[in-house]
C-alpha atoms as a PDB file:
ATOM      1  CA  UNK A   1     -49.443  43.740 -48.300  1.00  0.00           C
ATOM      2  CA  UNK A   2     -46.359  41.998 -46.537  1.00  0.00           C
ATOM      3  CA  UNK A   3     -44.078  43.383 -44.484  1.00  0.00           C
ATOM      4  CA  UNK A   4     -40.703  42.386 -45.646  1.00  0.00           C
ATOM      5  CA  UNK A   5     -39.325  39.565 -42.735  1.00  0.00           C
ATOM      6  CA  UNK A   6     -36.218  40.773 -41.854  1.00  0.00           C
ATOM      7  CA  UNK A   7     -32.958  38.849 -42.795  1.00  0.00           C
ATOM      8  CA  UNK A   8     -29.549  38.961 -40.691  1.00  0.00           C
ATOM      9  CA  UNK A   9     -27.194  36.882 -42.802  1.00  0.00           C
ATOM     10  CA  UNK A  10     -23.545  36.381 -41.702  1.00  0.00           C
ATOM     11  CA  UNK A  11     -20.510  35.941 -44.793  1.00  0.00           C
ATOM     12  CA  UNK A  12     -17.759  34.137 -43.218  1.00  0.00           C
ATOM     13  CA  UNK A  13     -15.913  34.597 -46.930  1.00  0.00           C
ATOM     14  CA  UNK A  14     -12.988  32.917 -47.444  1.00  0.00           C
ATOM     15  CA  UNK A  15     -12.513  31.614 -42.963  1.00  0.00           C
ATOM     16  CA  UNK A  16     -13.696  28.822 -40.979  1.00  0.00           C
ATOM     17  CA  UNK A  17     -12.031  25.631 -40.596  1.00  0.00           C
ATOM     18  CA  UNK A  18     -14.082  22.840 -38.308  1.00  0.00           C
ATOM     19  CA  UNK A  19     -13.087  24.460 -34.723  1.00  0.00           C
ATOM     20  CA  UNK A  20     -15.343  27.260 -35.958  1.00  0.00           C
ATOM     21  CA  UNK A  21     -18.624  25.316 -35.604  1.00  0.00           C
ATOM     22  CA  UNK A  22     -18.556  26.126 -32.270  1.00  0.00           C
ATOM     23  CA  UNK A  23     -19.510  30.171 -33.077  1.00  0.00           C
ATOM     24  CA  UNK A  24     -22.020  28.768 -34.962  1.00  0.00           C
ATOM     25  CA  UNK A  25     -22.844  26.766 -32.153  1.00  0.00           C
ATOM     26  CA  UNK A  26     -22.999  29.679 -30.074  1.00  0.00           C
ATOM     27  CA  UNK A  27     -25.110  32.228 -32.383  1.00  0.00           C
ATOM     28  CA  UNK A  28     -27.566  29.025 -32.953  1.00  0.00           C
ATOM     29  CA  UNK A  29     -28.248  28.607 -29.462  1.00  0.00           C
ATOM     30  CA  UNK A  30     -28.562  32.697 -28.821  1.00  0.00           C
ATOM     31  CA  UNK A  31     -30.754  33.520 -31.899  1.00  0.00           C
ATOM     32  CA  UNK A  32     -34.011  31.811 -31.044  1.00  0.00           C
ATOM     33  CA  UNK A  33     -35.561  35.188 -29.572  1.00  0.00           C
ATOM     34  CA  UNK A  34     -34.806  36.997 -32.738  1.00  0.00           C
ATOM     35  CA  UNK A  35     -37.929  38.432 -34.734  1.00  0.00           C
ATOM     36  CA  UNK A  36     -35.502  38.329 -37.599  1.00  0.00           C
ATOM     37  CA  UNK A  37     -34.326  35.155 -39.422  1.00  0.00           C
ATOM     38  CA  UNK A  38     -31.083  34.029 -39.263  1.00  0.00           C
ATOM     39  CA  UNK A  39     -28.389  32.770 -41.478  1.00  0.00           C
ATOM     40  CA  UNK A  40     -24.752  32.146 -41.890  1.00  0.00           C
ATOM     41  CA  UNK A  41     -23.033  31.298 -44.700  1.00  0.00           C
ATOM     42  CA  UNK A  42     -19.802  29.799 -44.178  1.00  0.00           C
ATOM     43  CA  UNK A  43     -17.102  28.642 -46.873  1.00  0.00           C
ATOM     44  CA  UNK A  44     -18.653  25.629 -49.122  1.00  0.00           C
ATOM     45  CA  UNK A  45     -16.001  22.857 -46.882  1.00  0.00           C
ATOM     46  CA  UNK A  46     -18.411  23.820 -43.851  1.00  0.00           C
ATOM     47  CA  UNK A  47     -21.753  24.055 -44.922  1.00  0.00           C
ATOM     48  CA  UNK A  48     -22.583  20.252 -44.669  1.00  0.00           C
ATOM     49  CA  UNK A  49     -20.868  19.974 -41.484  1.00  0.00           C
ATOM     50  CA  UNK A  50     -22.717  23.353 -40.135  1.00  0.00           C
ATOM     51  CA  UNK A  51     -25.690  22.082 -41.613  1.00  0.00           C
ATOM     52  CA  UNK A  52     -25.860  18.920 -39.407  1.00  0.00           C
ATOM     53  CA  UNK A  53     -24.396  20.937 -36.195  1.00  0.00           C
ATOM     54  CA  UNK A  54     -27.482  23.728 -36.269  1.00  0.00           C
ATOM     55  CA  UNK A  55     -29.706  21.212 -37.077  1.00  0.00           C
ATOM     56  CA  UNK A  56     -33.036  21.829 -35.724  1.00  0.00           C
ATOM     57  CA  UNK A  57     -31.923  25.491 -34.915  1.00  0.00           C
ATOM     58  CA  UNK A  58     -33.652  28.465 -35.818  1.00  0.00           C
ATOM     59  CA  UNK A  59     -30.448  29.426 -38.378  1.00  0.00           C
ATOM     60  CA  UNK A  60     -30.434  28.785 -41.950  1.00  0.00           C
ATOM     61  CA  UNK A  61     -26.885  27.466 -43.468  1.00  0.00           C
ATOM     62  CA  UNK A  62     -25.946  29.510 -47.065  1.00  0.00           C
ATOM     63  CA  UNK A  63     -23.191  29.175 -49.885  1.00  0.00           C
ATOM     64  CA  UNK A  64     -21.518  32.295 -51.055  1.00  0.00           C
ATOM     65  CA  UNK A  65     -21.521  31.599 -54.554  1.00  0.00           C
ATOM     66  CA  UNK A  66     -22.589  29.036 -57.152  1.00  0.00           C
ATOM     67  CA  UNK A  67     -21.910  28.235 -60.639  1.00  0.00           C
ATOM     68  CA  UNK A  68     -25.186  29.021 -63.221  1.00  0.00           C
ATOM     69  CA  UNK A  69     -25.092  25.196 -64.266  1.00  0.00           C
ATOM     70  CA  UNK A  70     -26.285  22.171 -62.472  1.00  0.00           C
ATOM     71  CA  UNK A  71     -23.456  20.379 -63.407  1.00  0.00           C
ATOM     72  CA  UNK A  72     -20.689  19.965 -65.888  1.00  0.00           C
ATOM     73  CA  UNK A  73     -16.805  20.200 -66.586  1.00  0.00           C
ATOM     74  CA  UNK A  74     -16.468  23.350 -64.099  1.00  0.00           C
ATOM     75  CA  UNK A  75     -13.502  22.732 -62.703  1.00  0.00           C
ATOM     76  CA  UNK A  76     -13.653  24.265 -59.044  1.00  0.00           C
ATOM     77  CA  UNK A  77     -17.277  25.279 -59.091  1.00  0.00           C
ATOM     78  CA  UNK A  78     -20.122  24.472 -57.276  1.00  0.00           C
ATOM     79  CA  UNK A  79     -23.516  23.957 -58.502  1.00  0.00           C
ATOM     80  CA  UNK A  80     -26.627  25.585 -56.428  1.00  0.00           C
ATOM     81  CA  UNK A  81     -27.985  21.811 -56.426  1.00  0.00           C
ATOM     82  CA  UNK A  82     -24.721  20.743 -55.100  1.00  0.00           C
ATOM     83  CA  UNK A  83     -25.160  23.280 -52.344  1.00  0.00           C
ATOM     84  CA  UNK A  84     -28.615  22.630 -51.616  1.00  0.00           C
ATOM     85  CA  UNK A  85     -27.629  18.826 -51.370  1.00  0.00           C
ATOM     86  CA  UNK A  86     -25.245  19.800 -48.587  1.00  0.00           C
ATOM     87  CA  UNK A  87     -27.448  21.298 -46.573  1.00  0.00           C
ATOM     88  CA  UNK A  88     -27.610  25.007 -47.686  1.00  0.00           C
ATOM     89  CA  UNK A  89     -30.824  27.277 -48.099  1.00  0.00           C
ATOM     90  CA  UNK A  90     -29.496  30.713 -49.392  1.00  0.00           C
ATOM     91  CA  UNK A  91     -26.680  31.543 -51.025  1.00  0.00           C
ATOM     92  CA  UNK A  92     -24.945  34.948 -51.965  1.00  0.00           C
ATOM     93  CA  UNK A  93     -24.712  35.853 -55.302  1.00  0.00           C
ATOM     94  CA  UNK A  94     -23.258  39.289 -56.862  1.00  0.00           C
ATOM     95  CA  UNK A  95     -20.839  40.090 -53.957  1.00  0.00           C
ATOM     96  CA  UNK A  96     -18.440  42.881 -55.321  1.00  0.00           C
ATOM     97  CA  UNK A  97     -15.859  40.951 -54.452  1.00  0.00           C
ATOM     98  CA  UNK A  98     -17.188  38.542 -56.928  1.00  0.00           C
ATOM     99  CA  UNK A  99     -18.207  41.318 -59.429  1.00  0.00           C
ATOM    100  CA  UNK A 100     -14.678  43.178 -59.272  1.00  0.00           C
ATOM    101  CA  UNK A 101     -12.376  39.753 -58.547  1.00  0.00           C
ATOM    102  CA  UNK A 102     -13.982  37.414 -60.831  1.00  0.00           C
ATOM    103  CA  UNK A 103     -15.019  40.283 -63.500  1.00  0.00           C
ATOM    104  CA  UNK A 104     -18.850  39.016 -62.735  1.00  0.00           C
ATOM    105  CA  UNK A 105     -21.430  41.159 -64.593  1.00  0.00           C
ATOM    106  CA  UNK A 106     -25.323  41.693 -63.952  1.00  0.00           C
ATOM    107  CA  UNK A 107     -25.893  38.761 -66.902  1.00  0.00           C
ATOM    108  CA  UNK A 108     -23.437  36.229 -65.067  1.00  0.00           C
ATOM    109  CA  UNK A 109     -25.379  37.611 -61.667  1.00  0.00           C
ATOM    110  CA  UNK A 110     -28.646  37.098 -63.105  1.00  0.00           C
ATOM    111  CA  UNK A 111     -28.301  33.575 -64.474  1.00  0.00           C
ATOM    112  CA  UNK A 112     -26.569  32.304 -60.982  1.00  0.00           C
ATOM    113  CA  UNK A 113     -29.723  33.761 -59.447  1.00  0.00           C
ATOM    114  CA  UNK A 114     -31.745  31.865 -62.184  1.00  0.00           C
ATOM    115  CA  UNK A 115     -29.587  29.132 -61.340  1.00  0.00           C
ATOM    116  CA  UNK A 116     -30.316  29.410 -57.459  1.00  0.00           C
ATOM    117  CA  UNK A 117     -33.945  29.157 -57.724  1.00  0.00           C
ATOM    118  CA  UNK A 118     -33.682  26.052 -60.254  1.00  0.00           C
ATOM    119  CA  UNK A 119     -31.933  24.148 -57.472  1.00  0.00           C
ATOM    120  CA  UNK A 120     -34.295  25.532 -54.373  1.00  0.00           C
ATOM    121  CA  UNK A 121     -32.210  28.034 -52.972  1.00  0.00           C
ATOM    122  CA  UNK A 122     -32.939  31.620 -51.689  1.00  0.00           C
ATOM    123  CA  UNK A 123     -30.553  34.002 -53.383  1.00  0.00           C
ATOM    124  CA  UNK A 124     -29.339  37.334 -51.587  1.00  0.00           C
ATOM    125  CA  UNK A 125     -28.106  39.373 -54.559  1.00  0.00           C
ATOM    126  CA  UNK A 126     -25.642  41.925 -54.039  1.00  0.00           C
ATOM    127  CA  UNK A 127     -25.520  45.830 -55.419  1.00  0.00           C
ATOM    128  CA  UNK A 128     -23.544  48.443 -54.750  1.00  0.00           C
ATOM    129  CA  UNK A 129     -21.342  51.342 -56.020  1.00  0.00           C
ATOM    130  CA  UNK A 130     -17.709  52.197 -55.504  1.00  0.00           C
ATOM    131  CA  UNK A 131     -16.432  55.248 -54.345  1.00  0.00           C
ATOM    132  CA  UNK A 132     -15.540  56.874 -57.562  1.00  0.00           C
ATOM    133  CA  UNK A 133     -19.180  56.175 -58.723  1.00  0.00           C
ATOM    134  CA  UNK A 134     -20.624  57.883 -55.512  1.00  0.00           C
ATOM    135  CA  UNK A 135     -18.544  60.646 -55.652  1.00  0.00           C
ATOM    136  CA  UNK A 136     -19.551  61.100 -59.293  1.00  0.00           C
ATOM    137  CA  UNK A 137     -23.473  61.189 -58.076  1.00  0.00           C
ATOM    138  CA  UNK A 138     -24.167  57.788 -60.257  1.00  0.00           C
ATOM    139  CA  UNK A 139     -24.766  55.910 -56.847  1.00  0.00           C
ATOM    140  CA  UNK A 140     -28.248  55.904 -57.553  1.00  0.00           C
ATOM    141  CA  UNK A 141     -27.922  55.236 -61.350  1.00  0.00           C
ATOM    142  CA  UNK A 142     -25.206  52.360 -60.908  1.00  0.00           C
ATOM    143  CA  UNK A 143     -27.295  50.773 -57.556  1.00  0.00           C
ATOM    144  CA  UNK A 144     -30.632  50.139 -59.608  1.00  0.00           C
ATOM    145  CA  UNK A 145     -29.051  49.527 -63.093  1.00  0.00           C
ATOM    146  CA  UNK A 146     -27.607  46.694 -61.079  1.00  0.00           C
ATOM    147  CA  UNK A 147     -30.944  45.947 -59.326  1.00  0.00           C
ATOM    148  CA  UNK A 148     -32.762  45.828 -62.819  1.00  0.00           C
ATOM    149  CA  UNK A 149     -29.826  43.644 -64.497  1.00  0.00           C
ATOM    150  CA  UNK A 150     -29.236  41.089 -61.841  1.00  0.00           C
ATOM    151  CA  UNK A 151     -32.654  40.356 -60.728  1.00  0.00           C
ATOM    152  CA  UNK A 152     -34.099  37.631 -63.614  1.00  0.00           C
ATOM    153  CA  UNK A 153     -37.839  37.567 -64.270  1.00  0.00           C
ATOM    154  CA  UNK A 154     -37.857  34.238 -62.559  1.00  0.00           C
ATOM    155  CA  UNK A 155     -37.717  35.993 -59.174  1.00  0.00           C
ATOM    156  CA  UNK A 156     -41.496  36.740 -59.212  1.00  0.00           C
ATOM    157  CA  UNK A 157     -43.160  34.486 -57.084  1.00  0.00           C
ATOM    158  CA  UNK A 158     -39.928  33.567 -55.365  1.00  0.00           C
ATOM    159  CA  UNK A 159     -38.272  34.384 -51.694  1.00  0.00           C
ATOM    160  CA  UNK A 160     -35.146  36.975 -52.468  1.00  0.00           C
ATOM    161  CA  UNK A 161     -33.095  39.459 -50.708  1.00  0.00           C
ATOM    162  CA  UNK A 162     -31.121  42.384 -52.327  1.00  0.00           C
ATOM    163  CA  UNK A 163     -28.177  43.588 -50.289  1.00  0.00           C
ATOM    164  CA  UNK A 164     -26.898  46.884 -50.844  1.00  0.00           C
ATOM    165  CA  UNK A 165     -23.328  47.250 -50.033  1.00  0.00           C
ATOM    166  CA  UNK A 166     -21.634  50.056 -50.847  1.00  0.00           C
ATOM    167  CA  UNK A 167     -18.041  48.576 -52.434  1.00  0.00           C
ATOM    168  CA  UNK A 168     -16.135  51.467 -50.212  1.00  0.00           C
ATOM    169  CA  UNK A 169     -17.414  50.760 -47.150  1.00  0.00           C
ATOM    170  CA  UNK A 170     -16.645  46.621 -47.085  1.00  0.00           C
ATOM    171  CA  UNK A 171     -14.009  46.104 -44.695  1.00  0.00           C
ATOM    172  CA  UNK A 172     -13.217  49.751 -44.530  1.00  0.00           C
ATOM    173  CA  UNK A 173     -14.713  50.600 -41.419  1.00  0.00           C
ATOM    174  CA  UNK A 174     -16.595  53.394 -43.316  1.00  0.00           C
ATOM    175  CA  UNK A 175     -20.344  53.665 -43.570  1.00  0.00           C
ATOM    176  CA  UNK A 176     -22.691  55.812 -45.590  1.00  0.00           C
ATOM    177  CA  UNK A 177     -24.559  58.239 -43.563  1.00  0.00           C
ATOM    178  CA  UNK A 178     -28.247  57.068 -42.386  1.00  0.00           C
ATOM    179  CA  UNK A 179     -29.730  59.507 -44.896  1.00  0.00           C
ATOM    180  CA  UNK A 180     -27.476  57.771 -47.818  1.00  0.00           C
ATOM    181  CA  UNK A 181     -28.414  54.534 -46.516  1.00  0.00           C
ATOM    182  CA  UNK A 182     -32.011  55.182 -46.678  1.00  0.00           C
ATOM    183  CA  UNK A 183     -31.921  57.040 -50.397  1.00  0.00           C
ATOM    184  CA  UNK A 184     -30.586  54.093 -51.714  1.00  0.00           C
ATOM    185  CA  UNK A 185     -32.856  51.829 -50.672  1.00  0.00           C
ATOM    186  CA  UNK A 186     -35.597  53.580 -51.168  1.00  0.00           C
ATOM    187  CA  UNK A 187     -34.490  53.779 -55.044  1.00  0.00           C
ATOM    188  CA  UNK A 188     -34.201  50.280 -54.247  1.00  0.00           C
ATOM    189  CA  UNK A 189     -37.567  49.397 -53.127  1.00  0.00           C
ATOM    190  CA  UNK A 190     -38.843  51.664 -56.042  1.00  0.00           C
ATOM    191  CA  UNK A 191     -37.070  49.796 -58.617  1.00  0.00           C
ATOM    192  CA  UNK A 192     -38.138  46.041 -56.796  1.00  0.00           C
ATOM    193  CA  UNK A 193     -41.741  47.361 -56.950  1.00  0.00           C
ATOM    194  CA  UNK A 194     -41.507  48.332 -60.702  1.00  0.00           C
ATOM    195  CA  UNK A 195     -40.331  44.752 -61.422  1.00  0.00           C
ATOM    196  CA  UNK A 196     -42.093  42.793 -59.361  1.00  0.00           C
ATOM    197  CA  UNK A 197     -45.445  44.688 -58.177  1.00  0.00           C
ATOM    198  CA  UNK A 198     -46.237  43.818 -54.398  1.00  0.00           C
ATOM    199  CA  UNK A 199     -44.161  40.717 -54.627  1.00  0.00           C
ATOM    200  CA  UNK A 200     -41.189  43.547 -54.866  1.00  0.00           C
ATOM    201  CA  UNK A 201     -42.472  45.259 -51.627  1.00  0.00           C
ATOM    202  CA  UNK A 202     -42.353  42.016 -49.571  1.00  0.00           C
ATOM    203  CA  UNK A 203     -38.847  41.041 -50.449  1.00  0.00           C
ATOM    204  CA  UNK A 204     -36.040  42.187 -47.427  1.00  0.00           C
ATOM    205  CA  UNK A 205     -33.519  45.107 -49.165  1.00  0.00           C
ATOM    206  CA  UNK A 206     -30.344  44.081 -46.386  1.00  0.00           C
ATOM    207  CA  UNK A 207     -27.726  46.775 -45.924  1.00  0.00           C
ATOM    208  CA  UNK A 208     -24.033  45.384 -45.681  1.00  0.00           C
ATOM    209  CA  UNK A 209     -20.405  47.407 -45.034  1.00  0.00           C
ATOM    210  CA  UNK A 210     -18.826  47.483 -41.779  1.00  0.00           C
ATOM    211  CA  UNK A 211     -21.991  46.399 -39.967  1.00  0.00           C
ATOM    212  CA  UNK A 212     -20.932  46.391 -36.233  1.00  0.00           C
ATOM    213  CA  UNK A 213     -22.950  45.741 -33.095  1.00  0.00           C
ATOM    214  CA  UNK A 214     -22.169  49.758 -32.206  1.00  0.00           C
ATOM    215  CA  UNK A 215     -23.595  50.873 -35.540  1.00  0.00           C
ATOM    216  CA  UNK A 216     -26.505  47.883 -36.244  1.00  0.00           C
ATOM    217  CA  UNK A 217     -29.683  49.564 -34.458  1.00  0.00           C
ATOM    218  CA  UNK A 218     -29.000  52.792 -35.996  1.00  0.00           C
ATOM    219  CA  UNK A 219     -28.569  51.078 -39.422  1.00  0.00           C
ATOM    220  CA  UNK A 220     -30.970  48.997 -39.532  1.00  0.00           C
ATOM    221  CA  UNK A 221     -33.827  51.233 -38.069  1.00  0.00           C
ATOM    222  CA  UNK A 222     -33.498  53.156 -40.933  1.00  0.00           C
ATOM    223  CA  UNK A 223     -36.415  53.413 -43.420  1.00  0.00           C
ATOM    224  CA  UNK A 224     -36.462  50.205 -45.979  1.00  0.00           C
ATOM    225  CA  UNK A 225     -33.551  48.517 -44.016  1.00  0.00           C
ATOM    226  CA  UNK A 226     -34.933  44.903 -43.777  1.00  0.00           C
ATOM    227  CA  UNK A 227     -31.385  43.201 -42.435  1.00  0.00           C
ATOM    228  CA  UNK A 228     -28.012  43.185 -43.082  1.00  0.00           C
ATOM    229  CA  UNK A 229     -25.461  41.232 -44.818  1.00  0.00           C
ATOM    230  CA  UNK A 230     -22.786  41.054 -42.126  1.00  0.00           C
ATOM    231  CA  UNK A 231     -18.862  40.315 -42.694  1.00  0.00           C
ATOM    232  CA  UNK A 232     -16.266  40.081 -40.651  1.00  0.00           C
ATOM    233  CA  UNK A 233     -18.470  40.966 -37.330  1.00  0.00           C
ATOM    234  CA  UNK A 234     -20.511  37.194 -38.236  1.00  0.00           C
ATOM    235  CA  UNK A 235     -17.039  35.446 -37.662  1.00  0.00           C
ATOM    236  CA  UNK A 236     -17.620  35.846 -33.743  1.00  0.00           C
ATOM    237  CA  UNK A 237     -21.030  34.845 -32.192  1.00  0.00           C
ATOM    238  CA  UNK A 238     -20.769  37.500 -29.445  1.00  0.00           C
ATOM    239  CA  UNK A 239     -20.450  40.092 -32.683  1.00  0.00           C
ATOM    240  CA  UNK A 240     -22.862  38.776 -34.622  1.00  0.00           C
ATOM    241  CA  UNK A 241     -25.693  37.983 -32.184  1.00  0.00           C
ATOM    242  CA  UNK A 242     -25.106  42.007 -30.955  1.00  0.00           C
ATOM    243  CA  UNK A 243     -26.346  42.482 -34.404  1.00  0.00           C
ATOM    244  CA  UNK A 244     -29.100  39.785 -34.197  1.00  0.00           C
ATOM    245  CA  UNK A 245     -30.187  41.220 -31.347  1.00  0.00           C
ATOM    246  CA  UNK A 246     -30.652  45.105 -32.733  1.00  0.00           C
ATOM    247  CA  UNK A 247     -33.340  43.809 -34.695  1.00  0.00           C
END
């Protein structure tokens, strides 16, 4: 059984103009010695320019979302094929900010994950519970339900990652305990193996939610944590490389 290769992915969210490409170049220069795969997911406006700037480097470029359809009358949306055409290799789907702010349910996320595969992209599928759900003791039920509902059968045989991001920890400075992270990651792994067999055991499960250089080593050493999906700390090369170096 193949152990998952760690993945450290930076989600720039709605941040970054052309000047920010200099930070990406610093990341690329410092990421070559890492045993993890490293990715940056900038706004769509920067994907093509970042792909060109990082050509030949070990850093992958990804998108932050994609539409389920390949083309059509969907003003303002971007398809997986368009992301790939701009140089993206991965795409985040199902982030809690999309689920909460854009009303995306598991079925919509699964359709986007299916579209990512169709477009030749590696999907990073996000799952996570709210603070209310955790306080009610429903964290494992919610998260494993999202995994089952958000990962289509087509994932079998294709590269993907699942990112566990407790909604209450994103951007808040709060993080679950290591024991809580391990409990959820183990439940996700069991679900992936039940769905995809050995292939489900070989895909990385990332942790996201206020990951910083100061806590990265402890989190990345936790059982079944196969990398990180990093928000704010990915905007500064020094911080992001501190996390990459903790693998």
